[in-house]
């Protein structure tokens, strides 16, 4: 693969994560607009986004069958065109009846795009560069959240139609499709530029499954934070919609800063140390969200939590690939499926918990989830060391 083509396929992969963040990160702000527009409850509006995340899950599963038939490039192009059409249709929805259908289609397309983005990057970059490449996807994700969430708050506060919030996602989707049209995807993705094709029949160590569970829990907690953080701020501190949007924006700003730092550290520090330290820090700092007594302290906790989480997800995925000497696309697909599972269950699960208890309990569960993630990482590190397979 030429350097120019590597840059194009990498940028297209990064944009896939920018797009999904542009769709999901303003969830906590958009739900309020949906309540006003369609006369539905807040918990039902939040649960509606489970159709997006369920679509992510289905899309992540479908690429296991579509890629061998159509190839990565065709799947990405088809999914990109479908996503653009779905995003454009949001401005014409006049009844809540159509929201689950459109949201599911959006999620389905994004599931195909995200899984292929991770597979492409894992296959394009060597083991040494892989954590840095995957970290770059998180930076695009966080940058989108940092930009879109305050804009969403302003759009809603100014009384504009809620679908305008998704204009950036539509523009990024169009740019991605144009880049992919002029890019070359190899028919068979390999690990590293010159590595041989790896059999997908390799037996996976137990640690890979623990990492998969940790990834699913992480994503569940992640969605809990930006789904209910704004509502908690409004309920507890009488924050305005614009203030709620800026609180979530601080969280994504912290993510972005943490990812930049981790990107630099990834060249000097073992990925195993990075994920263990960041998971432990996230567990401790997350208590500040639900224990805050002012909106200022909650905003600071969101910023610090984002910073600690910034170096966790993609290094965790990269660490999981180190259990195999030659990680396969099937293994990467499995981890992306775990991400999709975590995202899929979060909106409906959190809405149910709020219905039965309170928003504060949902945010408290974030701390519990990060504690479990840390424990699973520790077990996986123990298993890797036991098998004499040291992470790099």
Protein backbone atom coordinates (compact mmCIF):
# COMPACT_ATOMS: atom_id res chain seq x y z
CA UNK A 1 0.00 0.00 0.00
CA UNK A 2 1.38 3.39 -1.00
CA UNK A 3 1.74 6.13 1.61
CA UNK A 4 -0.86 8.30 -0.14
CA UNK A 5 -3.40 5.50 -0.15
CA UNK A 6 -2.61 4.65 3.48
CA UNK A 7 -3.38 8.26 4.42
CA UNK A 8 -6.70 8.16 2.55
CA UNK A 9 -7.97 4.90 4.04
CA UNK A 10 -6.80 6.02 7.49
CA UNK A 11 -8.61 9.37 7.20
CA UNK A 12 -11.78 7.61 6.03
CA UNK A 13 -11.52 5.30 9.05
CA UNK A 14 -11.03 8.23 11.42
CA UNK A 15 -14.07 10.01 9.96
CA UNK A 16 -16.25 6.97 10.73
CA UNK A 17 -15.61 7.58 14.43
CA UNK A 18 -16.18 11.33 14.03
CA UNK A 19 -19.56 10.57 12.46
CA UNK A 20 -20.86 8.21 15.15
CA UNK A 21 -19.79 10.66 17.85
CA UNK A 22 -21.62 13.46 16.03
CA UNK A 23 -24.73 11.28 16.21
CA UNK A 24 -24.51 9.96 19.76
CA UNK A 25 -22.68 12.57 21.82
CA UNK A 26 -25.53 15.16 21.75
CA UNK A 27 -28.01 12.49 22.91
CA UNK A 28 -28.54 14.11 26.31
CA UNK A 29 -29.45 17.41 24.62
CA UNK A 30 -31.46 16.02 21.71
CA UNK A 31 -33.75 13.99 23.98
CA UNK A 32 -35.13 17.20 25.49
CA UNK A 33 -35.93 18.50 22.00
CA UNK A 34 -37.65 15.21 21.10
CA UNK A 35 -39.79 15.51 24.24
CA UNK A 36 -40.97 18.96 23.14
CA UNK A 37 -41.37 18.03 19.47
CA UNK A 38 -43.32 14.77 19.83
CA UNK A 39 -44.78 14.95 23.35
CA UNK A 40 -43.00 11.84 24.63
CA UNK A 41 -41.37 11.19 28.01
CA UNK A 42 -37.68 11.78 28.64
CA UNK A 43 -37.02 8.12 29.43
CA UNK A 44 -38.77 7.04 26.21
CA UNK A 45 -36.81 9.62 24.20
CA UNK A 46 -33.55 8.29 25.66
CA UNK A 47 -34.59 4.69 25.05
CA UNK A 48 -35.23 5.57 21.38
CA UNK A 49 -31.47 5.85 20.88
CA UNK A 50 -31.21 2.15 21.68
CA UNK A 51 -32.38 1.70 18.09
CA UNK A 52 -29.22 3.49 16.95
CA UNK A 53 -27.02 1.39 19.20
CA UNK A 54 -28.86 -1.84 18.33
CA UNK A 55 -28.25 -0.97 14.69
CA UNK A 56 -24.55 -0.64 15.56
CA UNK A 57 -24.65 -4.15 16.97
CA UNK A 58 -26.39 -5.61 13.92
CA UNK A 59 -24.06 -3.75 11.55
CA UNK A 60 -20.99 -5.03 13.40
CA UNK A 61 -22.35 -8.54 13.01
CA UNK A 62 -23.29 -8.13 9.33
CA UNK A 63 -19.81 -7.14 8.18
CA UNK A 64 -18.60 -10.63 9.12
CA UNK A 65 -20.70 -11.84 6.18
CA UNK A 66 -20.75 -8.81 3.88
CA UNK A 67 -17.00 -8.18 3.76
CA UNK A 68 -16.05 -11.57 2.25
CA UNK A 69 -18.76 -11.14 -0.41
CA UNK A 70 -18.53 -7.46 -1.36
CA UNK A 71 -15.16 -6.37 0.00
CA UNK A 72 -14.45 -3.60 2.48
CA UNK A 73 -14.61 -0.70 0.01
CA UNK A 74 -18.06 -1.57 -1.38
CA UNK A 75 -19.48 -2.15 2.12
CA UNK A 76 -18.15 1.22 3.29
CA UNK A 77 -19.54 3.03 0.24
CA UNK A 78 -22.99 1.43 0.51
CA UNK A 79 -23.16 2.10 4.25
CA UNK A 80 -22.01 5.69 3.70
CA UNK A 81 -24.70 6.43 1.11
CA UNK A 82 -27.41 4.87 3.31
CA UNK A 83 -26.25 6.92 6.30
CA UNK A 84 -26.36 10.18 4.34
CA UNK A 85 -29.93 9.49 3.21
CA UNK A 86 -31.01 8.56 6.75
CA UNK A 87 -29.49 11.72 8.25
CA UNK A 88 -31.14 13.92 5.60
CA UNK A 89 -34.52 12.32 6.33
CA UNK A 90 -34.46 13.50 9.98
CA UNK A 91 -35.57 16.96 8.92
CA UNK A 92 -38.77 15.56 7.38
CA UNK A 93 -39.96 13.40 10.30
CA UNK A 94 -43.31 14.62 11.62
CA UNK A 95 -44.22 11.66 13.83
CA UNK A 96 -42.33 9.75 16.55
CA UNK A 97 -43.42 6.56 14.76
CA UNK A 98 -40.61 6.97 12.20
CA UNK A 99 -37.82 7.67 14.68
CA UNK A 100 -37.05 4.02 15.59
CA UNK A 101 -36.84 3.06 11.90
CA UNK A 102 -34.54 5.91 10.88
CA UNK A 103 -32.42 5.56 14.03
CA UNK A 104 -31.96 1.85 13.42
CA UNK A 105 -30.87 2.43 9.81
CA UNK A 106 -28.40 5.08 11.00
CA UNK A 107 -26.97 2.66 13.54
CA UNK A 108 -26.82 -0.19 11.04
CA UNK A 109 -24.79 1.90 8.60
CA UNK A 110 -22.48 3.18 11.36
CA UNK A 111 -21.93 -0.37 12.65
CA UNK A 112 -20.60 -1.39 9.24
CA UNK A 113 -18.43 1.72 9.02
CA UNK A 114 -16.92 1.46 12.51
CA UNK A 115 -16.07 -2.23 12.29
CA UNK A 116 -14.44 -1.83 8.91
CA UNK A 117 -12.55 1.22 10.15
CA UNK A 118 -11.04 -0.78 13.03
CA UNK A 119 -10.26 -3.73 10.78
CA UNK A 120 -8.64 -1.47 8.19
CA UNK A 121 -6.43 0.32 10.72
CA UNK A 122 -5.43 -2.89 12.50
CA UNK A 123 -4.51 -4.43 9.17
CA UNK A 124 -2.71 -1.37 7.83
CA UNK A 125 -0.45 -0.67 10.79
CA UNK A 126 2.18 -2.84 12.45
CA UNK A 127 1.92 -4.01 16.07
CA UNK A 128 4.15 -1.12 17.15
CA UNK A 129 2.07 1.58 15.45
CA UNK A 130 -1.35 -0.01 15.96
CA UNK A 131 -2.13 1.51 19.40
CA UNK A 132 -1.31 4.99 18.09
CA UNK A 133 -3.50 4.52 15.00
CA UNK A 134 -6.43 3.30 17.08
CA UNK A 135 -5.92 6.16 19.52
CA UNK A 136 -6.29 8.58 16.63
CA UNK A 137 -9.84 7.26 16.07
CA UNK A 138 -10.66 8.17 19.66
CA UNK A 139 -9.31 11.66 19.08
CA UNK A 140 -11.69 12.13 16.15
CA UNK A 141 -14.54 10.75 18.30
CA UNK A 142 -13.76 13.16 21.13
CA UNK A 143 -13.23 16.13 18.81
CA UNK A 144 -16.71 15.58 17.37
CA UNK A 145 -18.25 15.39 20.83
CA UNK A 146 -16.41 18.53 21.93
CA UNK A 147 -17.63 20.46 18.88
CA UNK A 148 -21.17 19.10 18.46
CA UNK A 149 -22.53 19.05 22.03
CA UNK A 150 -22.28 22.81 22.71
CA UNK A 151 -23.68 23.50 19.24
CA UNK A 152 -26.56 21.14 20.05
CA UNK A 153 -27.27 23.06 23.25
CA UNK A 154 -27.31 26.36 21.36
CA UNK A 155 -29.54 24.95 18.57
CA UNK A 156 -32.11 23.72 21.09
CA UNK A 157 -31.92 26.86 23.24
CA UNK A 158 -32.53 29.03 20.14
CA UNK A 159 -35.61 27.02 19.21
CA UNK A 160 -34.19 25.69 15.94
CA UNK A 161 -35.22 22.27 14.63
CA UNK A 162 -33.35 19.45 16.37
CA UNK A 163 -32.35 17.77 13.08
CA UNK A 164 -29.93 20.66 12.38
CA UNK A 165 -27.69 19.14 15.06
CA UNK A 166 -26.93 16.27 12.68
CA UNK A 167 -25.77 18.45 9.78
CA UNK A 168 -22.14 17.96 10.77
CA UNK A 169 -22.56 14.17 10.75
CA UNK A 170 -24.06 14.36 7.25
CA UNK A 171 -21.22 16.57 5.98
CA UNK A 172 -18.58 14.24 7.46
CA UNK A 173 -20.35 11.24 5.89
CA UNK A 174 -20.25 12.87 2.47
CA UNK A 175 -16.54 13.67 2.85
CA UNK A 176 -15.81 10.09 3.91
CA UNK A 177 -17.64 8.66 0.88
CA UNK A 178 -15.71 10.92 -1.48
CA UNK A 179 -12.39 9.84 0.05
CA UNK A 180 -13.29 6.15 -0.16
CA UNK A 181 -14.30 6.52 -3.82
CA UNK A 182 -10.72 7.46 -4.67
CA UNK A 183 -9.03 4.99 -2.32
CA UNK A 184 -7.85 1.42 -2.78
CA UNK A 185 -8.72 -1.26 -0.23
CA UNK A 186 -6.81 -4.52 -0.58
CA UNK A 187 -9.03 -7.52 -1.24
CA UNK A 188 -7.45 -9.36 1.70
CA UNK A 189 -6.50 -7.29 4.76
CA UNK A 190 -3.30 -8.35 6.52
CA UNK A 191 -1.67 -7.39 9.79
CA UNK A 192 1.10 -4.93 8.92
CA UNK A 193 2.06 -3.85 5.45
CA UNK A 194 3.92 -7.00 4.44
CA UNK A 195 2.53 -9.64 6.79
CA UNK A 196 1.17 -12.92 5.42
CA UNK A 197 -2.53 -13.74 5.48
CA UNK A 198 -3.53 -15.09 8.89
CA UNK A 199 -5.89 -17.99 9.37
CA UNK A 200 -9.10 -17.12 11.24
CA UNK A 201 -9.09 -20.55 12.89
CA UNK A 202 -6.55 -19.55 15.54
CA UNK A 203 -7.68 -20.49 19.04
CA UNK A 204 -8.17 -17.45 21.25
CA UNK A 205 -6.76 -17.38 24.80
CA UNK A 206 -9.16 -16.79 27.70
CA UNK A 207 -7.80 -13.27 28.18
CA UNK A 208 -9.27 -12.12 24.86
CA UNK A 209 -12.78 -12.79 26.17
CA UNK A 210 -12.11 -10.90 29.41
CA UNK A 211 -10.96 -7.92 27.35
CA UNK A 212 -14.11 -8.20 25.23
CA UNK A 213 -16.28 -8.07 28.35
CA UNK A 214 -14.25 -5.11 29.68
CA UNK A 215 -14.79 -3.24 26.40
CA UNK A 216 -18.56 -3.87 26.56
CA UNK A 217 -18.76 -2.59 30.15
CA UNK A 218 -16.67 0.47 29.27
CA UNK A 219 -19.01 1.42 26.41
CA UNK A 220 -22.06 0.93 28.62
CA UNK A 221 -20.62 3.34 31.19
CA UNK A 222 -19.53 5.75 28.46
CA UNK A 223 -23.05 6.07 27.07
CA UNK A 224 -24.51 6.40 30.59
CA UNK A 225 -22.34 9.48 31.18
CA UNK A 226 -23.30 11.60 28.17
CA UNK A 227 -26.90 10.31 28.08
CA UNK A 228 -27.81 11.32 31.62
CA UNK A 229 -25.16 13.85 32.63
CA UNK A 230 -27.13 16.79 31.12
CA UNK A 231 -30.42 15.68 32.71
CA UNK A 232 -28.72 15.27 36.09
CA UNK A 233 -27.26 18.78 35.84
CA UNK A 234 -30.68 20.22 34.99
CA UNK A 235 -32.40 18.26 37.75
CA UNK A 236 -29.85 18.85 40.52
CA UNK A 237 -28.48 22.31 39.69
CA UNK A 238 -31.22 23.81 37.48
CA UNK A 239 -28.77 24.06 34.60
CA UNK A 240 -30.02 25.45 31.29
CA UNK A 241 -29.93 23.40 28.09
CA UNK A 242 -26.94 25.40 26.89
CA UNK A 243 -25.10 24.78 30.19
CA UNK A 244 -25.86 21.06 29.97
CA UNK A 245 -24.40 20.97 26.48
CA UNK A 246 -21.20 22.65 27.68
CA UNK A 247 -20.88 20.17 30.57
CA UNK A 248 -20.87 17.27 28.12
CA UNK A 249 -18.50 19.25 25.92
CA UNK A 250 -16.06 19.41 28.84
CA UNK A 251 -16.21 15.63 29.11
CA UNK A 252 -15.26 15.26 25.45
CA UNK A 253 -12.57 17.91 25.79
CA UNK A 254 -11.06 15.83 28.60
CA UNK A 255 -11.26 12.76 26.37
CA UNK A 256 -9.43 14.57 23.59
CA UNK A 257 -6.67 15.83 25.90
CA UNK A 258 -6.28 12.40 27.47
CA UNK A 259 -6.02 10.77 24.07
CA UNK A 260 -3.35 13.23 22.96
CA UNK A 261 -1.31 12.45 26.07
CA UNK A 262 -1.79 8.72 25.64
CA UNK A 263 -0.79 8.99 21.99
CA UNK A 264 2.55 10.47 23.09
CA UNK A 265 2.98 7.93 25.89
CA UNK A 266 2.20 5.00 23.58
CA UNK A 267 5.65 5.40 22.01
CA UNK A 268 7.38 5.09 25.39
CA UNK A 269 5.13 3.18 27.79
CA UNK A 270 3.73 -0.35 27.59
CA UNK A 271 0.07 -0.37 26.65
CA UNK A 272 -0.67 -2.65 29.63
CA UNK A 273 0.46 0.07 32.06
CA UNK A 274 -1.62 2.68 30.26
CA UNK A 275 -4.90 0.77 30.46
CA UNK A 276 -4.45 -0.30 34.08
CA UNK A 277 -3.63 3.22 35.31
CA UNK A 278 -6.37 4.93 33.31
CA UNK A 279 -9.04 2.40 34.32
CA UNK A 280 -8.14 2.82 38.00
CA UNK A 281 -8.20 6.62 37.69
CA UNK A 282 -11.57 6.55 35.90
CA UNK A 283 -13.06 4.45 38.70
CA UNK A 284 -12.01 6.94 41.35
CA UNK A 285 -12.80 10.14 39.44
CA UNK A 286 -16.25 8.96 38.30
CA UNK A 287 -17.51 9.32 41.88
CA UNK A 288 -17.20 13.08 41.44
CA UNK A 289 -20.07 13.17 38.91
CA UNK A 290 -22.80 11.87 41.20
CA UNK A 291 -21.24 13.21 44.42
CA UNK A 292 -20.86 16.82 43.20
CA UNK A 293 -22.76 19.53 45.08
CA UNK A 294 -22.39 22.31 42.49
CA UNK A 295 -22.56 22.52 38.72
CA UNK A 296 -18.96 23.78 38.66
CA UNK A 297 -17.65 20.74 40.53
CA UNK A 298 -19.66 18.43 38.27
CA UNK A 299 -18.16 20.12 35.21
CA UNK A 300 -14.67 19.65 36.63
CA UNK A 301 -15.37 15.98 37.37
CA UNK A 302 -16.61 15.49 33.81
CA UNK A 303 -13.43 17.07 32.46
CA UNK A 304 -11.15 14.91 34.65
CA UNK A 305 -13.14 11.75 33.97
CA UNK A 306 -12.88 12.36 30.24
CA UNK A 307 -9.14 12.91 30.63
CA UNK A 308 -8.69 9.59 32.46
CA UNK A 309 -10.90 7.71 29.99
CA UNK A 310 -9.07 9.18 26.99
CA UNK A 311 -6.32 6.59 27.20
CA UNK A 312 -8.44 3.53 27.83
CA UNK A 313 -10.69 2.23 25.05
CA UNK A 314 -8.44 1.90 22.00
CA UNK A 315 -5.34 0.93 24.03
CA UNK A 316 -7.60 -1.74 25.56
CA UNK A 317 -8.50 -2.98 22.07
CA UNK A 318 -4.84 -2.86 21.01
CA UNK A 319 -3.86 -4.77 24.16
CA UNK A 320 -6.45 -7.42 23.32
CA UNK A 321 -4.84 -8.03 19.94
CA UNK A 322 -1.52 -8.83 21.67
CA UNK A 323 -2.88 -12.13 22.96
CA UNK A 324 -2.31 -13.50 19.45
CA UNK A 325 1.04 -13.32 17.66
CA UNK A 326 -0.87 -12.51 14.46
CA UNK A 327 -4.30 -11.01 15.29
CA UNK A 328 -6.98 -11.76 12.72
CA UNK A 329 -9.75 -9.56 11.37
CA UNK A 330 -12.18 -11.91 13.15
CA UNK A 331 -10.63 -10.99 16.51
CA UNK A 332 -10.88 -7.27 15.76
CA UNK A 333 -14.46 -7.82 14.60
CA UNK A 334 -15.18 -9.56 17.91
CA UNK A 335 -13.92 -6.58 19.90
CA UNK A 336 -15.96 -4.19 17.76
CA UNK A 337 -18.98 -6.43 18.37
CA UNK A 338 -18.35 -6.10 22.12
CA UNK A 339 -18.26 -2.32 21.70
CA UNK A 340 -21.56 -2.50 19.84
CA UNK A 341 -23.13 -4.68 22.56
CA UNK A 342 -22.16 -2.17 25.24
CA UNK A 343 -23.55 0.71 23.20
CA UNK A 344 -26.70 -1.22 22.25
CA UNK A 345 -27.90 -2.03 25.75
CA UNK A 346 -27.02 1.34 27.33
CA UNK A 347 -29.91 3.65 26.34
CA UNK A 348 -32.71 1.18 27.12
CA UNK A 349 -30.95 -0.14 30.25
CA UNK A 350 -30.28 3.33 31.63
CA UNK A 351 -33.85 4.44 30.88
CA UNK A 352 -35.16 1.39 32.77
CA UNK A 353 -32.90 2.10 35.76
CA UNK A 354 -34.02 5.74 35.85
CA UNK A 355 -37.65 4.66 35.62
CA UNK A 356 -37.19 2.31 38.59
CA UNK A 357 -34.80 4.46 40.66
CA UNK A 358 -33.20 7.79 39.72
CA UNK A 359 -30.67 9.45 37.44
CA UNK A 360 -28.14 9.50 40.28
CA UNK A 361 -28.24 5.69 40.50
CA UNK A 362 -27.39 5.44 36.78
CA UNK A 363 -24.36 7.67 37.27
CA UNK A 364 -23.38 5.67 40.37
CA UNK A 365 -23.41 2.52 38.23
CA UNK A 366 -20.70 4.18 36.11
CA UNK A 367 -18.32 3.89 39.05
CA UNK A 368 -19.29 0.23 39.55
CA UNK A 369 -18.74 -0.45 35.85
CA UNK A 370 -15.27 1.07 35.80
CA UNK A 371 -14.40 -0.96 38.89
CA UNK A 372 -15.37 -4.15 37.04
CA UNK A 373 -13.40 -3.02 33.98
CA UNK A 374 -10.30 -2.51 36.11
CA UNK A 375 -10.68 -5.97 37.67
CA UNK A 376 -11.01 -7.61 34.24
CA UNK A 377 -7.92 -5.80 33.00
CA UNK A 378 -5.95 -7.03 36.01
CA UNK A 379 -7.08 -10.62 35.39
CA UNK A 380 -6.15 -10.35 31.71
CA UNK A 381 -2.69 -8.99 32.57
CA UNK A 382 -2.20 -11.90 34.95
CA UNK A 383 -3.20 -14.42 32.27
CA UNK A 384 -0.91 -12.80 29.69
CA UNK A 385 2.06 -12.87 32.06
CA UNK A 386 1.25 -16.43 33.01
CA UNK A 387 1.40 -17.44 29.37
CA UNK A 388 4.70 -15.54 28.99
CA UNK A 389 3.23 -13.29 26.31
CA UNK A 390 4.40 -9.81 27.38
CA UNK A 391 2.53 -6.76 26.01
CA UNK A 392 4.48 -4.14 24.16
